[in-house]
Amino acid sequence: MDTILIRVPDGMKNKIAMRARANNRSMSGEVLDILQREMGQARTERIRELEALCEELEQQLASLFAQQSITRDRLESAREELMRRKLVVSIDEPGAPSGDT
């Protein structure tokens, strides 16, 4: 285990000592518990933020796929309409092959 030496504001050492006694721990154990909980809480909050961001991105992606699908459907309909019109035009054109031989 690593060792660190820290300076604390006046009065904080006594607060840590009282809290350590109340929790049946050494002062080092109490400080370590505080640091672990704080760092774990910050990590948990960051994970929640990232999960929310992922959810938002998934919704945006689903929306983009839906828009792409609509656009693809419109394009296919337009292509089919164009092919139908070309067929109608080529059938109606004078001199166009009639299919009768």
N, C-alpha and C. Protein backbone atom coordinates (compact mmCIF):
# COMPACT_ATOMS: atom_id res chain seq x y z
N MET A 1 0.85 -1.18 0.00
CA MET A 1 0.00 0.00 0.00
C MET A 1 0.90 1.24 0.00
N ASP A 2 0.52 2.22 -0.82
CA ASP A 2 1.28 3.47 -0.89
C ASP A 2 1.00 4.32 0.34
N THR A 3 1.93 5.21 0.61
CA THR A 3 1.78 6.13 1.75
C THR A 3 1.78 7.55 1.23
N ILE A 4 0.88 8.39 1.77
CA ILE A 4 0.89 9.82 1.43
C ILE A 4 0.81 10.63 2.72
N LEU A 5 1.37 11.79 2.67
CA LEU A 5 1.32 12.72 3.79
C LEU A 5 0.52 13.92 3.31
N ILE A 6 -0.54 14.27 4.03
CA ILE A 6 -1.35 15.42 3.61
C ILE A 6 -1.47 16.43 4.73
N ARG A 7 -1.66 17.65 4.36
CA ARG A 7 -1.93 18.71 5.33
C ARG A 7 -3.42 19.00 5.26
N VAL A 8 -4.04 19.19 6.42
CA VAL A 8 -5.47 19.48 6.47
C VAL A 8 -5.68 20.79 7.21
N PRO A 9 -6.78 21.47 6.91
CA PRO A 9 -7.06 22.73 7.61
C PRO A 9 -7.23 22.49 9.11
N ASP A 10 -7.01 23.56 9.87
CA ASP A 10 -7.17 23.47 11.33
C ASP A 10 -8.55 22.93 11.68
N GLY A 11 -8.59 22.00 12.60
CA GLY A 11 -9.85 21.45 13.07
C GLY A 11 -10.29 20.20 12.32
N MET A 12 -9.81 20.00 11.11
CA MET A 12 -10.25 18.84 10.33
C MET A 12 -9.71 17.54 10.92
N LYS A 13 -8.49 17.59 11.48
CA LYS A 13 -7.92 16.39 12.07
C LYS A 13 -8.81 15.89 13.20
N ASN A 14 -9.31 16.81 14.02
CA ASN A 14 -10.19 16.41 15.13
C ASN A 14 -11.51 15.84 14.60
N LYS A 15 -12.05 16.41 13.54
CA LYS A 15 -13.30 15.89 12.95
C LYS A 15 -13.09 14.48 12.42
N ILE A 16 -11.95 14.26 11.79
CA ILE A 16 -11.65 12.92 11.26
C ILE A 16 -11.50 11.93 12.41
N ALA A 17 -10.82 12.36 13.48
CA ALA A 17 -10.62 11.48 14.65
C ALA A 17 -11.96 11.11 15.27
N MET A 18 -12.86 12.08 15.42
CA MET A 18 -14.19 11.80 16.00
C MET A 18 -14.99 10.87 15.11
N ARG A 19 -14.93 11.10 13.84
CA ARG A 19 -15.66 10.25 12.90
C ARG A 19 -15.08 8.83 12.91
N ALA A 20 -13.76 8.73 12.98
CA ALA A 20 -13.10 7.42 13.02
C ALA A 20 -13.52 6.65 14.27
N ARG A 21 -13.54 7.33 15.42
CA ARG A 21 -13.98 6.67 16.66
C ARG A 21 -15.42 6.20 16.55
N ALA A 22 -16.29 7.04 15.96
CA ALA A 22 -17.70 6.68 15.83
C ALA A 22 -17.89 5.46 14.92
N ASN A 23 -16.99 5.28 13.96
CA ASN A 23 -17.08 4.16 13.01
C ASN A 23 -16.14 3.01 13.38
N ASN A 24 -15.52 3.10 14.57
CA ASN A 24 -14.59 2.06 15.05
C ASN A 24 -13.47 1.79 14.05
N ARG A 25 -12.86 2.87 13.57
CA ARG A 25 -11.74 2.75 12.63
C ARG A 25 -10.59 3.63 13.09
N SER A 26 -9.43 3.36 12.50
CA SER A 26 -8.30 4.27 12.69
C SER A 26 -8.56 5.52 11.84
N MET A 27 -7.79 6.55 12.08
CA MET A 27 -7.94 7.76 11.26
C MET A 27 -7.59 7.45 9.80
N SER A 28 -6.56 6.65 9.61
CA SER A 28 -6.19 6.28 8.23
C SER A 28 -7.32 5.51 7.57
N GLY A 29 -7.92 4.59 8.32
CA GLY A 29 -9.03 3.81 7.79
C GLY A 29 -10.22 4.69 7.44
N GLU A 30 -10.47 5.69 8.27
CA GLU A 30 -11.58 6.61 8.03
C GLU A 30 -11.33 7.45 6.79
N VAL A 31 -10.13 8.00 6.67
CA VAL A 31 -9.79 8.81 5.49
C VAL A 31 -9.86 7.96 4.23
N LEU A 32 -9.35 6.73 4.31
CA LEU A 32 -9.40 5.83 3.17
C LEU A 32 -10.84 5.53 2.78
N ASP A 33 -11.72 5.30 3.75
CA ASP A 33 -13.13 5.04 3.47
C ASP A 33 -13.78 6.25 2.79
N ILE A 34 -13.49 7.43 3.29
CA ILE A 34 -14.05 8.66 2.69
C ILE A 34 -13.58 8.79 1.24
N LEU A 35 -12.29 8.58 1.02
CA LEU A 35 -11.75 8.71 -0.35
C LEU A 35 -12.34 7.67 -1.29
N GLN A 36 -12.44 6.42 -0.81
CA GLN A 36 -12.99 5.37 -1.66
C GLN A 36 -14.45 5.64 -2.02
N ARG A 37 -15.23 6.06 -1.03
CA ARG A 37 -16.64 6.35 -1.32
C ARG A 37 -16.77 7.53 -2.27
N GLU A 38 -16.00 8.56 -2.05
CA GLU A 38 -16.07 9.75 -2.91
C GLU A 38 -15.64 9.42 -4.33
N MET A 39 -14.56 8.69 -4.46
CA MET A 39 -14.08 8.34 -5.79
C MET A 39 -15.03 7.37 -6.47
N GLY A 40 -15.59 6.46 -5.72
CA GLY A 40 -16.58 5.54 -6.28
C GLY A 40 -17.83 6.27 -6.70
N GLN A 41 -18.26 7.24 -5.91
CA GLN A 41 -19.46 8.02 -6.23
C GLN A 41 -19.22 8.84 -7.49
N ALA A 42 -18.06 9.45 -7.62
CA ALA A 42 -17.75 10.24 -8.82
C ALA A 42 -17.74 9.32 -10.04
N ARG A 43 -17.20 8.12 -9.88
CA ARG A 43 -17.18 7.17 -11.00
C ARG A 43 -18.59 6.73 -11.36
N THR A 44 -19.40 6.48 -10.34
CA THR A 44 -20.80 6.07 -10.58
C THR A 44 -21.56 7.18 -11.30
N GLU A 45 -21.37 8.42 -10.88
CA GLU A 45 -22.02 9.55 -11.54
C GLU A 45 -21.58 9.66 -12.99
N ARG A 46 -20.30 9.47 -13.25
CA ARG A 46 -19.78 9.54 -14.62
C ARG A 46 -20.37 8.42 -15.48
N ILE A 47 -20.49 7.24 -14.87
CA ILE A 47 -21.09 6.11 -15.60
C ILE A 47 -22.53 6.44 -15.96
N ARG A 48 -23.28 7.04 -15.02
CA ARG A 48 -24.67 7.43 -15.31
C ARG A 48 -24.71 8.46 -16.44
N GLU A 49 -23.81 9.42 -16.41
CA GLU A 49 -23.76 10.42 -17.47
C GLU A 49 -23.49 9.77 -18.82
N LEU A 50 -22.55 8.83 -18.85
CA LEU A 50 -22.21 8.15 -20.09
C LEU A 50 -23.37 7.28 -20.58
N GLU A 51 -24.07 6.62 -19.66
CA GLU A 51 -25.23 5.81 -20.04
C GLU A 51 -26.32 6.69 -20.65
N ALA A 52 -26.55 7.87 -20.05
CA ALA A 52 -27.56 8.79 -20.58
C ALA A 52 -27.14 9.28 -21.97
N LEU A 53 -25.87 9.56 -22.14
CA LEU A 53 -25.36 10.00 -23.44
C LEU A 53 -25.54 8.90 -24.49
N CYS A 54 -25.24 7.66 -24.10
CA CYS A 54 -25.42 6.53 -25.02
C CYS A 54 -26.88 6.39 -25.42
N GLU A 55 -27.77 6.55 -24.46
CA GLU A 55 -29.21 6.44 -24.76
C GLU A 55 -29.64 7.53 -25.73
N GLU A 56 -29.16 8.74 -25.51
CA GLU A 56 -29.49 9.86 -26.40
C GLU A 56 -28.95 9.60 -27.81
N LEU A 57 -27.72 9.10 -27.89
CA LEU A 57 -27.13 8.81 -29.20
C LEU A 57 -27.87 7.67 -29.90
N GLU A 58 -28.31 6.67 -29.15
CA GLU A 58 -29.09 5.58 -29.74
C GLU A 58 -30.41 6.09 -30.31
N GLN A 59 -31.05 7.03 -29.59
CA GLN A 59 -32.30 7.61 -30.08
C GLN A 59 -32.06 8.41 -31.35
N GLN A 60 -30.99 9.19 -31.37
CA GLN A 60 -30.67 9.97 -32.57
C GLN A 60 -30.35 9.06 -33.74
N LEU A 61 -29.63 7.99 -33.48
CA LEU A 61 -29.29 7.04 -34.53
C LEU A 61 -30.54 6.36 -35.07
N ALA A 62 -31.46 5.97 -34.18
CA ALA A 62 -32.72 5.36 -34.62
C ALA A 62 -33.50 6.34 -35.49
N SER A 63 -33.50 7.61 -35.10
CA SER A 63 -34.20 8.63 -35.88
C SER A 63 -33.56 8.78 -37.26
N LEU A 64 -32.23 8.77 -37.30
CA LEU A 64 -31.54 8.87 -38.60
C LEU A 64 -31.84 7.67 -39.48
N PHE A 65 -31.85 6.48 -38.90
CA PHE A 65 -32.18 5.28 -39.68
C PHE A 65 -33.61 5.36 -40.20
N ALA A 66 -34.53 5.86 -39.37
CA ALA A 66 -35.92 6.00 -39.82
C ALA A 66 -36.00 6.99 -40.97
N GLN A 67 -35.30 8.12 -40.85
CA GLN A 67 -35.30 9.10 -41.93
C GLN A 67 -34.69 8.52 -43.20
N GLN A 68 -33.61 7.75 -43.04
CA GLN A 68 -32.96 7.13 -44.19
C GLN A 68 -33.92 6.13 -44.84
N SER A 69 -34.65 5.40 -44.03
CA SER A 69 -35.59 4.42 -44.56
C SER A 69 -36.69 5.11 -45.35
N ILE A 70 -37.21 6.23 -44.82
CA ILE A 70 -38.25 7.00 -45.51
C ILE A 70 -37.69 7.52 -46.83
N THR A 71 -36.48 8.05 -46.79
CA THR A 71 -35.85 8.58 -48.00
C THR A 71 -35.64 7.45 -49.01
N ARG A 72 -35.19 6.30 -48.54
CA ARG A 72 -34.98 5.16 -49.43
C ARG A 72 -36.30 4.72 -50.04
N ASP A 73 -37.38 4.69 -49.23
CA ASP A 73 -38.70 4.31 -49.75
C ASP A 73 -39.18 5.32 -50.79
N ARG A 74 -38.97 6.60 -50.53
CA ARG A 74 -39.38 7.63 -51.50
C ARG A 74 -38.59 7.50 -52.79
N LEU A 75 -37.30 7.25 -52.65
CA LEU A 75 -36.46 7.09 -53.83
C LEU A 75 -36.91 5.89 -54.66
N GLU A 76 -37.21 4.80 -53.99
CA GLU A 76 -37.67 3.60 -54.70
C GLU A 76 -39.01 3.87 -55.39
N SER A 77 -39.92 4.56 -54.69
CA SER A 77 -41.20 4.90 -55.31
C SER A 77 -41.01 5.79 -56.52
N ALA A 78 -40.13 6.78 -56.40
CA ALA A 78 -39.86 7.68 -57.53
C ALA A 78 -39.25 6.90 -58.68
N ARG A 79 -38.34 5.99 -58.38
CA ARG A 79 -37.71 5.18 -59.42
C ARG A 79 -38.76 4.32 -60.13
N GLU A 80 -39.64 3.71 -59.35
CA GLU A 80 -40.71 2.89 -59.94
C GLU A 80 -41.63 3.74 -60.81
N GLU A 81 -41.97 4.94 -60.33
CA GLU A 81 -42.84 5.84 -61.10
C GLU A 81 -42.15 6.25 -62.39
N LEU A 82 -40.87 6.55 -62.31
CA LEU A 82 -40.12 6.93 -63.50
C LEU A 82 -40.08 5.78 -64.51
N MET A 83 -39.84 4.58 -64.02
CA MET A 83 -39.82 3.43 -64.91
C MET A 83 -41.20 3.22 -65.54
N ARG A 84 -42.24 3.40 -64.77
CA ARG A 84 -43.60 3.26 -65.29
C ARG A 84 -43.87 4.31 -66.36
N ARG A 85 -43.46 5.55 -66.09
CA ARG A 85 -43.67 6.63 -67.07
C ARG A 85 -42.86 6.40 -68.33
N LYS A 86 -41.61 5.94 -68.17
CA LYS A 86 -40.79 5.66 -69.36
C LYS A 86 -41.45 4.58 -70.20
N LEU A 87 -41.99 3.59 -69.53
CA LEU A 87 -42.66 2.52 -70.25
C LEU A 87 -43.89 3.06 -70.98
N VAL A 88 -44.65 3.90 -70.31
CA VAL A 88 -45.84 4.50 -70.92
C VAL A 88 -45.43 5.36 -72.09
N VAL A 89 -44.39 6.19 -71.93
CA VAL A 89 -43.93 7.07 -73.00
C VAL A 89 -43.45 6.23 -74.18
N SER A 90 -42.66 5.22 -73.93
CA SER A 90 -42.12 4.43 -75.04
C SER A 90 -43.24 3.68 -75.76
N ILE A 91 -44.27 3.27 -75.06
CA ILE A 91 -45.40 2.59 -75.71
C ILE A 91 -46.21 3.57 -76.52
N ASP A 92 -46.37 4.81 -76.01
CA ASP A 92 -47.20 5.80 -76.68
C ASP A 92 -46.47 6.54 -77.81
N GLU A 93 -45.16 6.42 -77.88
CA GLU A 93 -44.40 7.13 -78.91
C GLU A 93 -44.73 6.57 -80.28
N PRO A 94 -44.91 7.46 -81.27
CA PRO A 94 -45.11 6.96 -82.64
C PRO A 94 -43.87 6.25 -83.10
N GLY A 95 -44.05 5.14 -83.73
CA GLY A 95 -42.93 4.39 -84.28
C GLY A 95 -42.27 3.50 -83.27
N ALA A 96 -42.78 3.53 -82.02
CA ALA A 96 -42.19 2.66 -81.00
C ALA A 96 -42.64 1.24 -81.28
N PRO A 97 -41.78 0.30 -80.98
CA PRO A 97 -42.18 -1.10 -81.23
C PRO A 97 -43.43 -1.41 -80.45
N SER A 98 -44.37 -2.03 -81.09
CA SER A 98 -45.66 -2.29 -80.46
C SER A 98 -45.69 -3.63 -79.77
N GLY A 99 -44.76 -4.43 -80.03
CA GLY A 99 -44.78 -5.77 -79.45
C GLY A 99 -45.43 -6.75 -80.40
N ASP A 100 -46.17 -6.27 -81.46
CA ASP A 100 -46.76 -7.14 -82.47
C ASP A 100 -45.73 -7.33 -83.55
N THR A 101 -45.43 -8.51 -83.93
CA THR A 101 -44.47 -8.75 -85.01
C THR A 101 -45.11 -9.49 -86.15
